[in-house]
Amino acid sequence: MHNVASASPRSPLINTLARNGSSSASPETPHRLNSFFAGIGGFDFGFERAGFVPAFHCEKDVYCTSILKKNWPKAIYHADVAEVDPLGLPDADVWCGGFPCQDLSVARGWLGRDGLRGSRSGLFYAFRHLIEARLPKVVVIENVTGLLNSHRGCDFHTVVRSLTDLGYGVSWRVMNSRYFGSPQSRPRVFVCAWQGNVELAISALYESEPGCAYTDERKGFLTPTSDVRTGVSVPEVAYCLAATSGRHTGTDWSRSYVSYFDRVRRLTPMECEGLQGFPPGWTIPEKEFKRSPDDVDTVRYHALGNAVCVPLVEWIGRRVAAGLRKTNPAARNGSSNCTAKEKQLRAVLPVTPGTDVRTIHLDNPQTAFFEIETTYKWSTGGCAIGTLAVTAAVASGPLVPVVSKFIDVIEKATVDERYFLSPNAAEGILRRVRSQGRTLFGPLAEALERLAKAKTNSSPQEDENQLALSS
């Protein structure tokens, strides 16, 4: 067993902000943030960079909690969201949380999706109970896009209606981290609920003009970029990080690898940190967390795959901060007249002219949830107040995309041999890709072919170990 040394990845500026409770982003007293399902602190770090001070963390995983406490030692901690006393929570204008996605994700495939009925994603109800008890000014939620269609859209209906019932104006938008300064394609649905003000909820996730329409998005997965010094070749954009151990899976065609001329390796945890917008070493635990290097890698990969993307959250955080700075904004949730509400929502949702905007009437969530024949078709964006919502297809990025490339987060130093694939593993990847009729990134396919041809040079024990990892 090895003790893993701790790192201090935060800049001196960030450390000063944490100690003094001040921010270069705003000369005023910073707003506080309560974080639920906090993971390794993606929401917290992004909002901190936007000028907020994390005051409370709720996280059950022991490893993730160790990372949170390393970076925010003065925050209040609680493990189980279902056991939090709402009266004991610190005051905070903004609450955030990405409640568990396992029961909503389409990655479950043939296993089916339990949605909000599942034991993990169903923790949304515990979160909602706390919101009802304290009614924070702003709530920001993140989840997989599967939330929009789980149980024929009834799960997302429940999320939206349960928030509008509490007097919140609600907006949502599917946003992709690749356009916000993180070079991986990671579409996620973000929900902003603003107490009494749907226009401020919209301003948190949308600019005043519709975002750009992006075409030929697949090109980024196929266009090579390289580093002459290291001999590395990777595409411009990485695939979405998954919450796995970092090993090979049956969907190798949608996993990101680092290619050399005749060698291939998986991403290191530090490279995964870069893809998610964390500083190098963010996920290295304190010395007290005693595990072998491989075991530490496993928990780092899993936690990073579950994290929210920091640059995207910072973009949202700055917009939320701007809304909070407005002095006594008029409540804009409109009248009780249904026609007036619909006109208001259609007027304030920024969409490209000619886009089909549909109206959805929000039924009682407890009734609709159990009516199997009920279907709600949610588009990638929308807003809601009371019992009415409008939804439309929206752009997944800002007016001016923040350009970043996969090659920029690739390690320049020598990488440990344990991250490299054996010839046997390369052969297994090629076999699975061919059987599924998939196409690999060109330099990766060529490197795997060269590596597979060297199979006779690998030892029997190495072949056996790599077969176990790739199965």
Protein backbone atom coordinates (compact mmCIF):
# COMPACT_ATOMS: atom_id res chain seq x y z
CA MET A 1 0.00 0.00 0.00
CA HIS A 2 1.17 3.51 -0.74
CA ASN A 3 0.35 6.85 0.80
CA VAL A 4 -0.75 9.22 -1.93
CA ALA A 5 0.70 12.66 -1.43
CA SER A 6 -1.69 15.59 -1.40
CA ALA A 7 -1.47 18.40 -3.92
CA SER A 8 -2.35 22.07 -3.80
CA PRO A 9 -3.83 22.70 -7.24
CA ARG A 10 -5.64 25.92 -6.34
CA SER A 11 -4.00 29.18 -7.28
CA PRO A 12 -2.89 31.68 -4.58
CA LEU A 13 -5.83 33.86 -5.63
CA ILE A 14 -8.34 31.06 -5.06
CA ASN A 15 -6.79 30.21 -1.70
CA THR A 16 -7.04 33.87 -0.70
CA LEU A 17 -10.71 33.95 -1.70
CA ALA A 18 -11.43 30.89 0.41
CA ARG A 19 -9.68 32.33 3.47
CA ASN A 20 -10.92 35.89 3.26
CA GLY A 21 -14.35 35.33 1.71
CA SER A 22 -13.61 37.92 -1.00
CA SER A 23 -13.52 37.75 -4.76
CA SER A 24 -11.83 39.60 -7.57
CA ALA A 25 -15.01 39.03 -9.60
CA SER A 26 -17.00 41.44 -7.43
CA PRO A 27 -15.92 44.15 -4.97
CA GLU A 28 -19.10 43.53 -2.98
CA THR A 29 -19.60 40.95 -0.25
CA PRO A 30 -19.77 37.64 -2.13
CA HIS A 31 -22.89 35.53 -2.17
CA ARG A 32 -22.84 32.15 -0.47
CA LEU A 33 -23.51 28.78 -2.04
CA ASN A 34 -25.00 25.60 -0.57
CA SER A 35 -24.03 22.52 -2.56
CA PHE A 36 -25.91 19.20 -2.60
CA PHE A 37 -24.72 15.95 -4.22
CA ALA A 38 -21.46 17.90 -4.29
CA GLY A 39 -19.13 15.21 -5.65
CA ILE A 40 -15.63 16.63 -6.00
CA GLY A 41 -16.86 20.23 -6.11
CA GLY A 42 -17.41 21.11 -9.77
CA PHE A 43 -20.33 23.37 -8.94
CA ASP A 44 -18.48 24.81 -5.97
CA PHE A 45 -15.27 25.57 -7.84
CA GLY A 46 -17.12 27.04 -10.83
CA PHE A 47 -19.26 29.29 -8.64
CA GLU A 48 -16.25 30.21 -6.52
CA ARG A 49 -14.51 31.43 -9.65
CA ALA A 50 -17.62 33.51 -10.31
CA GLY A 51 -17.27 35.16 -6.89
CA PHE A 52 -19.34 32.91 -4.58
CA VAL A 53 -18.25 31.37 -1.29
CA PRO A 54 -19.17 27.68 -0.77
CA ALA A 55 -20.73 27.42 2.70
CA PHE A 56 -22.24 23.93 2.83
CA HIS A 57 -21.58 20.57 1.18
CA CYS A 58 -23.76 17.50 1.19
CA GLU A 59 -21.96 14.42 -0.16
CA LYS A 60 -22.14 10.78 0.87
CA ASP A 61 -19.05 9.37 -0.84
CA VAL A 62 -16.06 9.25 1.51
CA TYR A 63 -13.46 9.87 -1.18
CA CYS A 64 -15.35 12.83 -2.68
CA THR A 65 -15.82 14.31 0.77
CA SER A 66 -12.08 14.10 1.35
CA ILE A 67 -11.51 16.17 -1.81
CA LEU A 68 -14.12 18.73 -0.74
CA LYS A 69 -12.61 19.10 2.74
CA LYS A 70 -9.14 19.46 1.26
CA ASN A 71 -10.31 22.46 -0.78
CA TRP A 72 -12.95 23.96 1.55
CA PRO A 73 -11.98 23.03 5.11
CA LYS A 74 -14.21 25.69 6.69
CA ALA A 75 -17.45 24.67 5.00
CA ILE A 76 -20.20 22.76 6.85
CA TYR A 77 -20.55 19.10 5.83
CA HIS A 78 -23.36 16.55 5.83
CA ALA A 79 -23.41 13.09 4.27
CA ASP A 80 -27.05 12.15 3.61
CA VAL A 81 -29.39 14.57 1.84
CA ALA A 82 -32.37 12.64 3.20
CA GLU A 83 -31.29 13.39 6.78
CA VAL A 84 -30.39 17.07 6.50
CA ASP A 85 -32.23 19.35 8.91
CA PRO A 86 -33.31 22.29 6.72
CA LEU A 87 -33.29 24.64 9.71
CA GLY A 88 -29.62 23.85 10.29
CA LEU A 89 -28.54 24.90 6.79
CA PRO A 90 -26.55 28.12 6.50
CA ASP A 91 -28.20 31.01 4.69
CA ALA A 92 -27.24 31.09 1.02
CA ASP A 93 -28.77 32.86 -1.97
CA VAL A 94 -27.89 29.98 -4.30
CA TRP A 95 -28.35 26.25 -3.89
CA CYS A 96 -26.95 23.88 -6.47
CA GLY A 97 -26.95 20.16 -7.05
CA GLY A 98 -26.67 17.45 -9.65
CA PHE A 99 -28.83 14.75 -8.11
CA PRO A 100 -27.76 11.18 -9.06
CA CYS A 101 -28.26 10.36 -12.73
CA GLN A 102 -27.88 6.57 -12.67
CA ASP A 103 -31.62 5.87 -12.90
CA LEU A 104 -32.04 8.42 -15.72
CA SER A 105 -29.07 7.77 -17.98
CA VAL A 106 -29.61 6.17 -21.38
CA ALA A 107 -26.24 4.47 -20.80
CA ARG A 108 -28.20 1.85 -18.83
CA GLY A 109 -29.32 0.49 -22.21
CA TRP A 110 -31.29 -2.73 -22.00
CA LEU A 111 -31.38 -2.52 -18.20
CA GLY A 112 -34.09 0.11 -18.46
CA ARG A 113 -34.43 3.30 -16.48
CA ASP A 114 -36.17 3.65 -13.14
CA GLY A 115 -36.10 7.44 -13.41
CA LEU A 116 -37.25 9.36 -10.36
CA ARG A 117 -38.70 6.12 -9.02
CA GLY A 118 -35.15 4.80 -8.59
CA SER A 119 -33.42 4.80 -5.24
CA ARG A 120 -30.64 7.11 -6.47
CA SER A 121 -32.27 9.59 -8.86
CA GLY A 122 -35.29 9.58 -6.55
CA LEU A 123 -33.19 11.58 -4.08
CA PHE A 124 -34.47 14.59 -6.01
CA TYR A 125 -37.51 14.46 -3.73
CA ALA A 126 -35.33 14.84 -0.63
CA PHE A 127 -33.65 17.83 -2.28
CA ARG A 128 -37.02 19.30 -3.18
CA HIS A 129 -38.16 18.92 0.44
CA LEU A 130 -35.23 21.04 1.61
CA ILE A 131 -35.94 23.65 -1.06
CA GLU A 132 -39.56 23.85 0.08
CA ALA A 133 -38.50 24.32 3.69
CA ARG A 134 -36.05 27.18 3.03
CA LEU A 135 -37.01 28.65 -0.39
CA PRO A 136 -33.55 29.87 -1.47
CA LYS A 137 -33.57 32.66 -4.00
CA VAL A 138 -31.89 30.59 -6.75
CA VAL A 139 -31.59 26.86 -7.39
CA VAL A 140 -29.34 25.45 -10.13
CA ILE A 141 -29.63 21.77 -11.08
CA GLU A 142 -27.61 19.65 -13.52
CA ASN A 143 -28.33 16.19 -14.90
CA VAL A 144 -28.00 13.97 -17.95
CA THR A 145 -30.17 14.75 -20.96
CA GLY A 146 -32.03 11.50 -20.31
CA LEU A 147 -33.93 13.43 -17.65
CA LEU A 148 -35.92 15.08 -20.46
CA ASN A 149 -37.45 11.86 -21.77
CA SER A 150 -37.36 9.47 -18.80
CA HIS A 151 -40.81 7.93 -18.24
CA ARG A 152 -42.13 9.65 -21.37
CA GLY A 153 -41.11 13.03 -20.06
CA CYS A 154 -43.02 12.64 -16.79
CA ASP A 155 -39.85 12.79 -14.68
CA PHE A 156 -38.83 16.19 -16.06
CA HIS A 157 -42.43 17.35 -15.74
CA THR A 158 -42.23 16.46 -12.05
CA VAL A 159 -39.01 18.46 -11.60
CA VAL A 160 -40.39 21.55 -13.34
CA ARG A 161 -43.86 21.51 -11.79
CA SER A 162 -42.56 20.82 -8.28
CA LEU A 163 -40.43 23.98 -8.57
CA THR A 164 -43.08 26.22 -10.12
CA ASP A 165 -45.48 25.09 -7.37
CA LEU A 166 -43.07 26.70 -4.90
CA GLY A 167 -43.27 30.03 -6.72
CA TYR A 168 -40.14 29.70 -8.83
CA GLY A 169 -39.76 30.83 -12.40
CA VAL A 170 -37.92 27.99 -14.14
CA SER A 171 -35.69 27.77 -17.19
CA TRP A 172 -33.74 24.87 -18.63
CA ARG A 173 -31.22 24.37 -21.39
CA VAL A 174 -29.11 21.53 -22.76
CA MET A 175 -25.56 22.90 -22.83
CA ASN A 176 -22.41 21.26 -24.17
CA SER A 177 -19.11 21.83 -22.38
CA ARG A 178 -17.18 21.73 -25.69
CA TYR A 179 -18.37 25.29 -26.41
CA PHE A 180 -17.51 26.70 -22.98
CA GLY A 181 -13.77 26.03 -22.80
CA SER A 182 -13.68 22.29 -22.07
CA PRO A 183 -12.57 20.13 -25.04
CA GLN A 184 -14.97 17.24 -24.52
CA SER A 185 -18.45 16.75 -25.90
CA ARG A 186 -20.54 16.67 -22.73
CA PRO A 187 -24.19 17.68 -23.22
CA ARG A 188 -26.06 18.11 -19.95
CA VAL A 189 -29.38 19.69 -19.03
CA PHE A 190 -29.17 22.62 -16.62
CA VAL A 191 -32.19 23.93 -14.75
CA CYS A 192 -32.35 27.32 -13.05
CA ALA A 193 -35.21 28.13 -10.67
CA TRP A 194 -35.45 31.75 -9.50
CA GLN A 195 -37.89 32.66 -6.76
CA GLY A 196 -40.65 34.84 -8.24
CA ASN A 197 -38.79 35.76 -11.42
CA VAL A 198 -38.79 33.71 -14.61
CA GLU A 199 -36.87 36.37 -16.55
CA LEU A 200 -33.89 36.15 -14.18
CA ALA A 201 -34.08 32.34 -14.39
CA ILE A 202 -33.78 32.64 -18.16
CA SER A 203 -30.95 35.17 -17.95
CA ALA A 204 -28.91 32.67 -15.92
CA LEU A 205 -28.82 30.16 -18.80
CA TYR A 206 -29.36 32.32 -21.90
CA GLU A 207 -27.88 35.40 -23.46
CA SER A 208 -30.17 38.05 -24.91
CA GLU A 209 -29.69 36.62 -28.41
CA PRO A 210 -30.00 32.97 -29.48
CA GLY A 211 -26.75 31.01 -29.42
CA CYS A 212 -24.98 29.90 -32.58
CA ALA A 213 -26.20 26.91 -34.53
CA TYR A 214 -23.34 24.42 -34.69
CA THR A 215 -22.96 22.22 -37.75
CA ASP A 216 -20.81 19.16 -38.49
CA GLU A 217 -20.12 18.56 -34.79
CA ARG A 218 -18.70 15.11 -35.57
CA LYS A 219 -15.76 16.74 -37.33
CA GLY A 220 -14.12 17.51 -33.99
CA PHE A 221 -13.91 13.80 -33.16
CA LEU A 222 -12.10 13.05 -36.44
CA THR A 223 -9.75 16.02 -36.93
CA PRO A 224 -6.22 15.16 -35.69
CA THR A 225 -4.11 17.40 -33.48
CA SER A 226 -0.63 16.41 -32.39
CA ASP A 227 2.32 17.31 -30.20
CA VAL A 228 5.65 16.97 -32.00
CA ARG A 229 7.71 16.61 -28.83
CA THR A 230 5.73 13.74 -27.31
CA GLY A 231 4.52 12.17 -30.55
CA VAL A 232 0.94 12.22 -29.25
CA SER A 233 -2.05 12.42 -31.59
CA VAL A 234 -5.62 13.02 -30.41
CA PRO A 235 -8.75 14.50 -32.01
CA GLU A 236 -9.70 18.12 -31.44
CA VAL A 237 -12.56 17.11 -29.15
CA ALA A 238 -12.72 14.23 -26.66
CA TYR A 239 -15.73 12.05 -26.07
CA CYS A 240 -17.73 12.55 -22.90
CA LEU A 241 -15.96 11.30 -19.77
CA ALA A 242 -17.84 8.40 -18.22
CA ALA A 243 -18.01 7.48 -14.54
CA THR A 244 -15.94 4.33 -14.94
CA SER A 245 -12.63 3.02 -13.71
CA GLY A 246 -10.93 4.27 -16.86
CA ARG A 247 -10.55 0.76 -18.28
CA HIS A 248 -11.78 -0.51 -21.62
CA THR A 249 -15.44 -1.20 -22.26
CA GLY A 250 -17.66 -2.60 -25.00
CA THR A 251 -18.08 0.93 -26.38
CA ASP A 252 -14.44 1.64 -27.15
CA TRP A 253 -15.49 3.59 -30.24
CA SER A 254 -16.88 6.30 -27.94
CA ARG A 255 -13.96 6.37 -25.50
CA SER A 256 -11.01 8.73 -25.79
CA TYR A 257 -7.51 7.28 -26.08
CA VAL A 258 -4.10 8.86 -26.58
CA SER A 259 -2.32 7.60 -29.70
CA TYR A 260 1.37 7.38 -30.54
CA PHE A 261 2.85 5.85 -33.69
CA ASP A 262 2.63 2.28 -32.45
CA ARG A 263 1.39 2.68 -28.88
CA VAL A 264 -1.94 3.61 -27.31
CA ARG A 265 -2.88 4.51 -23.77
CA ARG A 266 -5.91 5.53 -21.77
CA LEU A 267 -6.22 9.00 -20.30
CA THR A 268 -4.51 9.72 -17.01
CA PRO A 269 -6.56 11.14 -14.12
CA MET A 270 -4.77 14.47 -14.56
CA GLU A 271 -5.86 14.64 -18.19
CA CYS A 272 -9.43 13.90 -17.10
CA GLU A 273 -9.13 16.76 -14.61
CA GLY A 274 -8.16 19.01 -17.49
CA LEU A 275 -11.13 17.92 -19.58
CA GLN A 276 -13.47 18.82 -16.71
CA GLY A 277 -11.76 22.15 -16.05
CA PHE A 278 -10.13 21.26 -12.73
CA PRO A 279 -6.52 22.23 -11.95
CA PRO A 280 -3.90 19.43 -12.12
CA GLY A 281 -3.97 17.34 -8.97
CA TRP A 282 -7.43 18.42 -7.83
CA THR A 283 -8.54 14.83 -7.24
CA ILE A 284 -5.39 13.64 -5.44
CA PRO A 285 -6.59 12.82 -1.92
CA GLU A 286 -4.89 13.77 1.31
CA LYS A 287 -2.20 11.52 2.77
CA GLU A 288 -4.71 10.04 5.21
CA PHE A 289 -6.58 8.44 2.31
CA LYS A 290 -4.35 5.36 2.03
CA ARG A 291 -4.83 3.37 -1.18
CA SER A 292 -2.64 1.83 -3.87
CA PRO A 293 -2.01 3.98 -6.97
CA ASP A 294 -4.39 1.83 -9.05
CA ASP A 295 -7.14 2.08 -6.43
CA VAL A 296 -6.73 5.84 -6.20
CA ASP A 297 -6.89 6.07 -10.01
CA THR A 298 -10.17 4.14 -9.98
CA VAL A 299 -11.92 6.51 -7.57
CA ARG A 300 -10.48 9.53 -9.37
CA TYR A 301 -11.79 8.34 -12.76
CA HIS A 302 -15.22 7.60 -11.33
CA ALA A 303 -15.55 10.91 -9.52
CA LEU A 304 -14.37 12.93 -12.51
CA GLY A 305 -16.86 11.17 -14.77
CA ASN A 306 -19.64 12.16 -12.38
CA ALA A 307 -18.50 15.77 -12.01
CA VAL A 308 -19.93 18.89 -13.60
CA CYS A 309 -17.73 20.83 -16.00
CA VAL A 310 -16.15 23.79 -14.21
CA PRO A 311 -15.88 26.32 -17.10
CA LEU A 312 -19.55 25.85 -17.99
CA VAL A 313 -20.63 26.24 -14.36
CA GLU A 314 -18.49 29.37 -14.03
CA TRP A 315 -20.29 30.82 -17.08
CA ILE A 316 -23.63 30.17 -15.39
CA GLY A 317 -22.34 31.42 -12.03
CA ARG A 318 -21.33 34.77 -13.46
CA ARG A 319 -24.77 35.21 -14.98
CA VAL A 320 -26.44 34.28 -11.70
CA ALA A 321 -24.20 36.78 -9.88
CA ALA A 322 -25.25 39.49 -12.34
CA GLY A 323 -28.90 38.73 -11.64
CA LEU A 324 -28.38 38.86 -7.89
CA ARG A 325 -26.70 42.26 -8.19
CA LYS A 326 -29.85 43.79 -9.65
CA THR A 327 -31.49 45.90 -6.96
CA ASN A 328 -35.02 44.80 -6.12
CA PRO A 329 -35.95 43.40 -9.53
CA ALA A 330 -39.69 43.32 -10.08
CA ALA A 331 -41.24 39.88 -9.79
CA ARG A 332 -41.95 38.77 -13.32
CA ASN A 333 -43.86 35.53 -12.99
CA GLY A 334 -46.83 37.21 -14.61
CA SER A 335 -50.54 37.11 -13.96
CA SER A 336 -52.70 34.06 -13.43
CA ASN A 337 -54.13 34.47 -16.93
CA CYS A 338 -52.99 31.51 -19.00
CA THR A 339 -52.89 33.40 -22.30
CA ALA A 340 -50.85 36.22 -20.76
CA LYS A 341 -48.41 33.71 -19.25
CA GLU A 342 -47.90 31.99 -22.58
CA LYS A 343 -47.23 35.28 -24.36
CA GLN A 344 -44.76 36.26 -21.67
CA LEU A 345 -42.85 33.00 -21.83
CA ARG A 346 -42.69 33.02 -25.62
CA ALA A 347 -41.47 36.61 -25.52
CA VAL A 348 -38.62 36.09 -23.06
CA LEU A 349 -37.21 32.76 -24.30
CA PRO A 350 -34.46 33.63 -26.82
CA VAL A 351 -34.82 31.36 -29.84
CA THR A 352 -33.86 31.65 -33.49
CA PRO A 353 -36.68 33.14 -35.59
CA GLY A 354 -38.78 30.42 -37.17
CA THR A 355 -38.09 27.92 -34.39
CA ASP A 356 -41.10 25.85 -33.37
CA VAL A 357 -42.05 26.84 -29.81
CA ARG A 358 -44.54 24.50 -28.16
CA THR A 359 -46.73 25.10 -25.12
CA ILE A 360 -47.03 22.46 -22.40
CA HIS A 361 -49.67 22.54 -19.68
CA LEU A 362 -48.27 21.23 -16.42
CA ASP A 363 -50.57 18.77 -14.73
CA ASN A 364 -50.39 17.82 -11.08
CA PRO A 365 -47.00 16.05 -10.87
CA GLN A 366 -48.15 13.34 -8.48
CA THR A 367 -51.01 12.41 -10.81
CA ALA A 368 -49.09 12.62 -14.06
CA PHE A 369 -46.15 10.62 -12.75
CA PHE A 370 -48.21 7.45 -12.49
CA GLU A 371 -50.27 7.85 -15.66
CA ILE A 372 -48.34 5.68 -18.08
CA GLU A 373 -50.26 6.99 -21.08
CA THR A 374 -49.22 10.61 -20.34
CA THR A 375 -46.37 11.87 -22.53
CA TYR A 376 -44.55 15.18 -22.30
CA LYS A 377 -42.20 16.06 -25.17
CA TRP A 378 -39.50 18.38 -23.91
CA SER A 379 -37.10 20.13 -26.29
CA THR A 380 -33.56 21.17 -25.41
CA GLY A 381 -34.65 24.47 -23.90
CA GLY A 382 -37.60 26.19 -22.33
CA CYS A 383 -39.09 28.04 -19.39
CA ALA A 384 -42.06 27.71 -17.07
CA ILE A 385 -44.17 29.56 -14.53
CA GLY A 386 -47.13 28.24 -12.59
CA THR A 387 -48.85 25.53 -14.61
CA LEU A 388 -47.53 26.56 -18.01
CA ALA A 389 -44.29 25.91 -19.90
CA VAL A 390 -42.96 26.61 -23.37
CA THR A 391 -40.23 24.52 -24.96
CA ALA A 392 -38.11 24.78 -28.11
CA ALA A 393 -34.88 23.54 -29.63
CA VAL A 394 -32.05 25.86 -28.58
CA ALA A 395 -28.32 26.09 -29.26
CA SER A 396 -26.07 24.18 -26.87
CA GLY A 397 -23.42 26.88 -26.67
CA PRO A 398 -22.99 30.64 -26.21
CA LEU A 399 -23.02 33.36 -28.85
CA VAL A 400 -19.20 33.31 -28.89
CA PRO A 401 -17.90 29.78 -28.24
CA VAL A 402 -14.80 29.42 -26.07
CA VAL A 403 -12.32 27.45 -28.16
CA SER A 404 -10.26 24.71 -26.51
CA LYS A 405 -8.53 21.59 -27.78
CA PHE A 406 -8.04 18.11 -26.39
CA ILE A 407 -4.30 18.23 -27.07
CA ASP A 408 -3.95 21.12 -24.58
CA VAL A 409 -4.78 18.89 -21.59
CA ILE A 410 -2.53 15.99 -22.61
CA GLU A 411 0.40 15.43 -20.24
CA LYS A 412 3.75 16.52 -21.60
CA ALA A 413 5.78 14.55 -19.05
CA THR A 414 6.54 10.84 -19.29
CA VAL A 415 3.43 8.80 -18.48
CA ASP A 416 3.57 5.66 -16.31
CA GLU A 417 3.53 2.37 -18.22
CA ARG A 418 0.39 1.17 -16.42
CA TYR A 419 -1.70 3.48 -18.60
CA PHE A 420 -0.53 1.89 -21.87
CA LEU A 421 -2.43 -0.89 -23.66
CA SER A 422 -0.90 -4.27 -24.45
CA PRO A 423 -1.06 -5.73 -27.99
CA ASN A 424 -3.73 -8.11 -26.76
CA ALA A 425 -5.90 -5.24 -25.50
CA ALA A 426 -5.46 -3.42 -28.81
CA GLU A 427 -6.61 -6.49 -30.70
CA GLY A 428 -9.69 -6.73 -28.45
CA ILE A 429 -10.65 -3.11 -29.09
CA LEU A 430 -10.33 -3.54 -32.85
CA ARG A 431 -12.43 -6.70 -32.75
CA ARG A 432 -15.25 -5.03 -30.81
CA VAL A 433 -15.24 -1.95 -33.02
CA ARG A 434 -15.47 -4.04 -36.19
CA SER A 435 -18.26 -6.21 -34.82
CA GLN A 436 -20.30 -3.08 -34.05
CA GLY A 437 -19.62 -1.47 -37.42
CA ARG A 438 -18.04 1.59 -35.84
CA THR A 439 -15.30 3.92 -37.08
CA LEU A 440 -12.35 4.95 -34.92
CA PHE A 441 -10.37 8.18 -35.02
CA GLY A 442 -7.85 7.61 -37.84
CA PRO A 443 -4.51 7.84 -35.97
CA LEU A 444 -5.97 5.72 -33.15
CA ALA A 445 -7.03 2.96 -35.55
CA GLU A 446 -3.60 2.95 -37.19
CA ALA A 447 -1.76 2.85 -33.86
CA LEU A 448 -3.97 0.00 -32.61
CA GLU A 449 -3.28 -1.98 -35.79
CA ARG A 450 0.48 -1.54 -35.37
CA LEU A 451 0.26 -2.43 -31.69
CA ALA A 452 -1.87 -5.52 -32.32
CA LYS A 453 0.72 -6.84 -34.77
CA ALA A 454 3.25 -6.86 -31.93
CA LYS A 455 1.13 -9.34 -29.96
CA THR A 456 3.73 -12.10 -30.26
CA ASN A 457 6.19 -9.92 -28.33
CA SER A 458 4.00 -9.65 -25.21
CA SER A 459 4.35 -12.04 -22.30
CA PRO A 460 1.60 -14.58 -21.45
CA GLN A 461 1.07 -12.93 -18.04
CA GLU A 462 0.65 -9.48 -19.61
CA ASP A 463 -1.86 -10.87 -22.09
CA GLU A 464 -3.84 -12.46 -19.28
CA ASN A 465 -3.90 -9.23 -17.25
CA GLN A 466 -4.92 -7.07 -20.18
CA LEU A 467 -7.66 -9.49 -21.23
CA ALA A 468 -9.15 -9.22 -17.75
CA LEU A 469 -9.12 -5.42 -17.93
CA SER A 470 -10.65 -5.22 -21.41
CA SER A 471 -13.45 -7.72 -20.91
